[in-house]
Amino acid sequence: MRQKPGTRKSHGEKVVKVIRRATHKQHSAEVKIRIVLGGLKGEDGIAALCRREGIA
């Protein structure tokens, strides 16, 4: 059975997909609320808040 051209993924593409999946952060609702409230307080700038929380 022949595959369609372009359907095979190279080893590099597979590695990148695994790395992206491993580094993707999933924040809980509590963490999201804490981050938003921290931003609304205005004590630190948004950039500083994002750096501290590791948000791009």
PDB file of N, CA and C in Angstrom:
ATOM      1  N   MET A   1       0.827  -1.168   0.000  1.00  0.00           N
ATOM      2  CA  MET A   1       0.000   0.000   0.000  1.00  0.00           C
ATOM      3  C   MET A   1       0.883   1.248   0.000  1.00  0.00           C
ATOM      4  N   ARG A   2       0.651   2.151  -0.902  1.00  0.00           N
ATOM      5  CA  ARG A   2       1.476   3.345  -1.022  1.00  0.00           C
ATOM      6  C   ARG A   2       0.879   4.484  -0.210  1.00  0.00           C
ATOM      7  N   GLN A   3       1.789   5.256   0.395  1.00  0.00           N
ATOM      8  CA  GLN A   3       1.344   6.432   1.132  1.00  0.00           C
ATOM      9  C   GLN A   3       1.322   7.635   0.211  1.00  0.00           C
ATOM     10  N   LYS A   4       0.478   8.583   0.538  1.00  0.00           N
ATOM     11  CA  LYS A   4       0.429   9.815  -0.232  1.00  0.00           C
ATOM     12  C   LYS A   4       1.693  10.622   0.039  1.00  0.00           C
ATOM     13  N   PRO A   5       2.181  11.336  -0.950  1.00  0.00           N
ATOM     14  CA  PRO A   5       3.380  12.152  -0.726  1.00  0.00           C
ATOM     15  C   PRO A   5       3.126  13.196   0.349  1.00  0.00           C
ATOM     16  N   GLY A   6       4.104  13.374   1.229  1.00  0.00           N
ATOM     17  CA  GLY A   6       4.003  14.390   2.254  1.00  0.00           C
ATOM     18  C   GLY A   6       3.288  13.966   3.512  1.00  0.00           C
ATOM     19  N   THR A   7       2.843  12.720   3.605  1.00  0.00           N
ATOM     20  CA  THR A   7       2.130  12.287   4.804  1.00  0.00           C
ATOM     21  C   THR A   7       3.079  11.722   5.852  1.00  0.00           C
ATOM     22  N   ARG A   8       4.268  11.323   5.452  1.00  0.00           N
ATOM     23  CA  ARG A   8       5.234  10.796   6.414  1.00  0.00           C
ATOM     24  C   ARG A   8       5.906  11.951   7.135  1.00  0.00           C
ATOM     25  N   LYS A   9       6.028  11.820   8.449  1.00  0.00           N
ATOM     26  CA  LYS A   9       6.707  12.842   9.231  1.00  0.00           C
ATOM     27  C   LYS A   9       8.147  12.415   9.449  1.00  0.00           C
ATOM     28  N   SER A  10       9.036  13.378   9.346  1.00  0.00           N
ATOM     29  CA  SER A  10      10.437  13.068   9.580  1.00  0.00           C
ATOM     30  C   SER A  10      10.676  12.883  11.078  1.00  0.00           C
ATOM     31  N   HIS A  11      11.810  12.308  11.396  1.00  0.00           N
ATOM     32  CA  HIS A  11      12.160  12.085  12.798  1.00  0.00           C
ATOM     33  C   HIS A  11      12.220  13.416  13.538  1.00  0.00           C
ATOM     34  N   GLY A  12      12.746  14.450  12.898  1.00  0.00           N
ATOM     35  CA  GLY A  12      12.844  15.769  13.518  1.00  0.00           C
ATOM     36  C   GLY A  12      11.484  16.339  13.877  1.00  0.00           C
ATOM     37  N   GLU A  13      10.518  16.175  13.006  1.00  0.00           N
ATOM     38  CA  GLU A  13       9.165  16.680  13.277  1.00  0.00           C
ATOM     39  C   GLU A  13       8.545  15.965  14.470  1.00  0.00           C
ATOM     40  N   LYS A  14       8.799  14.660  14.564  1.00  0.00           N
ATOM     41  CA  LYS A  14       8.274  13.889  15.687  1.00  0.00           C
ATOM     42  C   LYS A  14       8.903  14.354  17.000  1.00  0.00           C
ATOM     43  N   VAL A  15      10.203  14.618  16.989  1.00  0.00           N
ATOM     44  CA  VAL A  15      10.907  15.072  18.192  1.00  0.00           C
ATOM     45  C   VAL A  15      10.369  16.430  18.632  1.00  0.00           C
ATOM     46  N   VAL A  16      10.171  17.334  17.677  1.00  0.00           N
ATOM     47  CA  VAL A  16       9.651  18.662  17.997  1.00  0.00           C
ATOM     48  C   VAL A  16       8.259  18.551  18.609  1.00  0.00           C
ATOM     49  N   LYS A  17       7.432  17.677  18.083  1.00  0.00           N
ATOM     50  CA  LYS A  17       6.073  17.498  18.613  1.00  0.00           C
ATOM     51  C   LYS A  17       6.122  16.993  20.049  1.00  0.00           C
ATOM     52  N   VAL A  18       7.025  16.063  20.348  1.00  0.00           N
ATOM     53  CA  VAL A  18       7.155  15.528  21.706  1.00  0.00           C
ATOM     54  C   VAL A  18       7.633  16.621  22.660  1.00  0.00           C
ATOM     55  N   ILE A  19       8.585  17.430  22.225  1.00  0.00           N
ATOM     56  CA  ILE A  19       9.108  18.499  23.070  1.00  0.00           C
ATOM     57  C   ILE A  19       8.024  19.532  23.349  1.00  0.00           C
ATOM     58  N   ARG A  20       7.279  19.922  22.329  1.00  0.00           N
ATOM     59  CA  ARG A  20       6.200  20.896  22.529  1.00  0.00           C
ATOM     60  C   ARG A  20       5.163  20.372  23.507  1.00  0.00           C
ATOM     61  N   ARG A  21       4.812  19.110  23.399  1.00  0.00           N
ATOM     62  CA  ARG A  21       3.822  18.520  24.284  1.00  0.00           C
ATOM     63  C   ARG A  21       4.344  18.496  25.724  1.00  0.00           C
ATOM     64  N   ALA A  22       5.635  18.224  25.889  1.00  0.00           N
ATOM     65  CA  ALA A  22       6.219  18.127  27.222  1.00  0.00           C
ATOM     66  C   ALA A  22       6.378  19.493  27.877  1.00  0.00           C
ATOM     67  N   THR A  23       6.569  20.549  27.098  1.00  0.00           N
ATOM     68  CA  THR A  23       6.811  21.867  27.669  1.00  0.00           C
ATOM     69  C   THR A  23       5.552  22.706  27.766  1.00  0.00           C
ATOM     70  N   HIS A  24       4.448  22.241  27.232  1.00  0.00           N
ATOM     71  CA  HIS A  24       3.192  22.981  27.296  1.00  0.00           C
ATOM     72  C   HIS A  24       2.641  22.909  28.711  1.00  0.00           C
ATOM     73  N   LYS A  25       2.424  24.074  29.310  1.00  0.00           N
ATOM     74  CA  LYS A  25       1.926  24.106  30.681  1.00  0.00           C
ATOM     75  C   LYS A  25       0.412  24.212  30.682  1.00  0.00           C
ATOM     76  N   GLN A  26      -0.202  23.482  31.579  1.00  0.00           N
ATOM     77  CA  GLN A  26      -1.638  23.577  31.762  1.00  0.00           C
ATOM     78  C   GLN A  26      -1.876  24.094  33.174  1.00  0.00           C
ATOM     79  N   HIS A  27      -2.439  25.289  33.260  1.00  0.00           N
ATOM     80  CA  HIS A  27      -2.671  25.916  34.547  1.00  0.00           C
ATOM     81  C   HIS A  27      -4.069  25.572  35.048  1.00  0.00           C
ATOM     82  N   SER A  28      -4.174  25.339  36.348  1.00  0.00           N
ATOM     83  CA  SER A  28      -5.483  25.065  36.947  1.00  0.00           C
ATOM     84  C   SER A  28      -6.267  26.373  37.052  1.00  0.00           C
ATOM     85  N   ALA A  29      -7.548  26.263  37.336  1.00  0.00           N
ATOM     86  CA  ALA A  29      -8.389  27.445  37.471  1.00  0.00           C
ATOM     87  C   ALA A  29      -7.896  28.325  38.619  1.00  0.00           C
ATOM     88  N   GLU A  30      -7.442  27.723  39.708  1.00  0.00           N
ATOM     89  CA  GLU A  30      -6.957  28.485  40.854  1.00  0.00           C
ATOM     90  C   GLU A  30      -5.732  29.314  40.487  1.00  0.00           C
ATOM     91  N   VAL A  31      -4.824  28.715  39.729  1.00  0.00           N
ATOM     92  CA  VAL A  31      -3.613  29.421  39.325  1.00  0.00           C
ATOM     93  C   VAL A  31      -3.971  30.572  38.391  1.00  0.00           C
ATOM     94  N   LYS A  32      -4.885  30.341  37.467  1.00  0.00           N
ATOM     95  CA  LYS A  32      -5.297  31.399  36.542  1.00  0.00           C
ATOM     96  C   LYS A  32      -5.913  32.572  37.297  1.00  0.00           C
ATOM     97  N   ILE A  33      -6.756  32.269  38.287  1.00  0.00           N
ATOM     98  CA  ILE A  33      -7.384  33.336  39.077  1.00  0.00           C
ATOM     99  C   ILE A  33      -6.326  34.118  39.846  1.00  0.00           C
ATOM    100  N   ARG A  34      -5.368  33.403  40.424  1.00  0.00           N
ATOM    101  CA  ARG A  34      -4.301  34.073  41.173  1.00  0.00           C
ATOM    102  C   ARG A  34      -3.492  35.000  40.280  1.00  0.00           C
ATOM    103  N   ILE A  35      -3.203  34.562  39.059  1.00  0.00           N
ATOM    104  CA  ILE A  35      -2.432  35.379  38.120  1.00  0.00           C
ATOM    105  C   ILE A  35      -3.219  36.624  37.732  1.00  0.00           C
ATOM    106  N   VAL A  36      -4.498  36.450  37.428  1.00  0.00           N
ATOM    107  CA  VAL A  36      -5.329  37.586  37.034  1.00  0.00           C
ATOM    108  C   VAL A  36      -5.451  38.582  38.185  1.00  0.00           C
ATOM    109  N   LEU A  37      -5.688  38.092  39.396  1.00  0.00           N
ATOM    110  CA  LEU A  37      -5.805  38.987  40.550  1.00  0.00           C
ATOM    111  C   LEU A  37      -4.491  39.723  40.806  1.00  0.00           C
ATOM    112  N   GLY A  38      -3.383  39.041  40.606  1.00  0.00           N
ATOM    113  CA  GLY A  38      -2.083  39.697  40.748  1.00  0.00           C
ATOM    114  C   GLY A  38      -1.908  40.819  39.745  1.00  0.00           C
ATOM    115  N   GLY A  39      -2.401  40.621  38.529  1.00  0.00           N
ATOM    116  CA  GLY A  39      -2.323  41.669  37.524  1.00  0.00           C
ATOM    117  C   GLY A  39      -3.240  42.830  37.831  1.00  0.00           C
ATOM    118  N   LEU A  40      -4.402  42.543  38.401  1.00  0.00           N
ATOM    119  CA  LEU A  40      -5.356  43.601  38.732  1.00  0.00           C
ATOM    120  C   LEU A  40      -4.890  44.445  39.915  1.00  0.00           C
ATOM    121  N   LYS A  41      -4.125  43.837  40.822  1.00  0.00           N
ATOM    122  CA  LYS A  41      -3.593  44.599  41.959  1.00  0.00           C
ATOM    123  C   LYS A  41      -2.673  45.708  41.478  1.00  0.00           C
ATOM    124  N   GLY A  42      -1.935  45.440  40.419  1.00  0.00           N
ATOM    125  CA  GLY A  42      -1.058  46.458  39.846  1.00  0.00           C
ATOM    126  C   GLY A  42       0.233  46.672  40.597  1.00  0.00           C
ATOM    127  N   GLU A  43       0.569  45.793  41.538  1.00  0.00           N
ATOM    128  CA  GLU A  43       1.817  45.954  42.284  1.00  0.00           C
ATOM    129  C   GLU A  43       3.024  45.782  41.369  1.00  0.00           C
ATOM    130  N   ASP A  44       2.984  44.792  40.517  1.00  0.00           N
ATOM    131  CA  ASP A  44       4.044  44.557  39.538  1.00  0.00           C
ATOM    132  C   ASP A  44       3.480  44.815  38.151  1.00  0.00           C
ATOM    133  N   GLY A  45       4.355  45.070  37.217  1.00  0.00           N
ATOM    134  CA  GLY A  45       3.916  45.228  35.843  1.00  0.00           C
ATOM    135  C   GLY A  45       3.504  43.892  35.252  1.00  0.00           C
ATOM    136  N   ILE A  46       2.793  43.941  34.148  1.00  0.00           N
ATOM    137  CA  ILE A  46       2.348  42.718  33.480  1.00  0.00           C
ATOM    138  C   ILE A  46       3.546  41.887  33.035  1.00  0.00           C
ATOM    139  N   ALA A  47       4.573  42.547  32.512  1.00  0.00           N
ATOM    140  CA  ALA A  47       5.767  41.823  32.056  1.00  0.00           C
ATOM    141  C   ALA A  47       6.434  41.079  33.211  1.00  0.00           C
ATOM    142  N   ALA A  48       6.543  41.718  34.359  1.00  0.00           N
ATOM    143  CA  ALA A  48       7.153  41.085  35.523  1.00  0.00           C
ATOM    144  C   ALA A  48       6.299  39.911  36.006  1.00  0.00           C
ATOM    145  N   LEU A  49       4.994  40.096  35.998  1.00  0.00           N
ATOM    146  CA  LEU A  49       4.077  39.026  36.398  1.00  0.00           C
ATOM    147  C   LEU A  49       4.213  37.812  35.474  1.00  0.00           C
ATOM    148  N   CYS A  50       4.269  38.064  34.182  1.00  0.00           N
ATOM    149  CA  CYS A  50       4.404  36.967  33.211  1.00  0.00           C
ATOM    150  C   CYS A  50       5.741  36.262  33.366  1.00  0.00           C
ATOM    151  N   ARG A  51       6.811  37.017  33.592  1.00  0.00           N
ATOM    152  CA  ARG A  51       8.123  36.391  33.792  1.00  0.00           C
ATOM    153  C   ARG A  51       8.102  35.495  35.027  1.00  0.00           C
ATOM    154  N   ARG A  52       7.518  35.983  36.096  1.00  0.00           N
ATOM    155  CA  ARG A  52       7.472  35.223  37.344  1.00  0.00           C
ATOM    156  C   ARG A  52       6.667  33.929  37.184  1.00  0.00           C
ATOM    157  N   GLU A  53       5.594  33.985  36.416  1.00  0.00           N
ATOM    158  CA  GLU A  53       4.731  32.823  36.230  1.00  0.00           C
ATOM    159  C   GLU A  53       5.166  31.936  35.066  1.00  0.00           C
ATOM    160  N   GLY A  54       6.123  32.390  34.267  1.00  0.00           N
ATOM    161  CA  GLY A  54       6.594  31.607  33.132  1.00  0.00           C
ATOM    162  C   GLY A  54       5.636  31.620  31.955  1.00  0.00           C
ATOM    163  N   ILE A  55       4.932  32.739  31.793  1.00  0.00           N
ATOM    164  CA  ILE A  55       3.981  32.881  30.689  1.00  0.00           C
ATOM    165  C   ILE A  55       4.641  33.678  29.580  1.00  0.00           C
ATOM    166  N   ALA A  56       4.525  33.190  28.363  1.00  0.00           N
ATOM    167  CA  ALA A  56       5.111  33.903  27.227  1.00  0.00           C
ATOM    168  C   ALA A  56       4.178  35.000  26.758  1.00  0.00           C
TER     169      ALA A  56
END
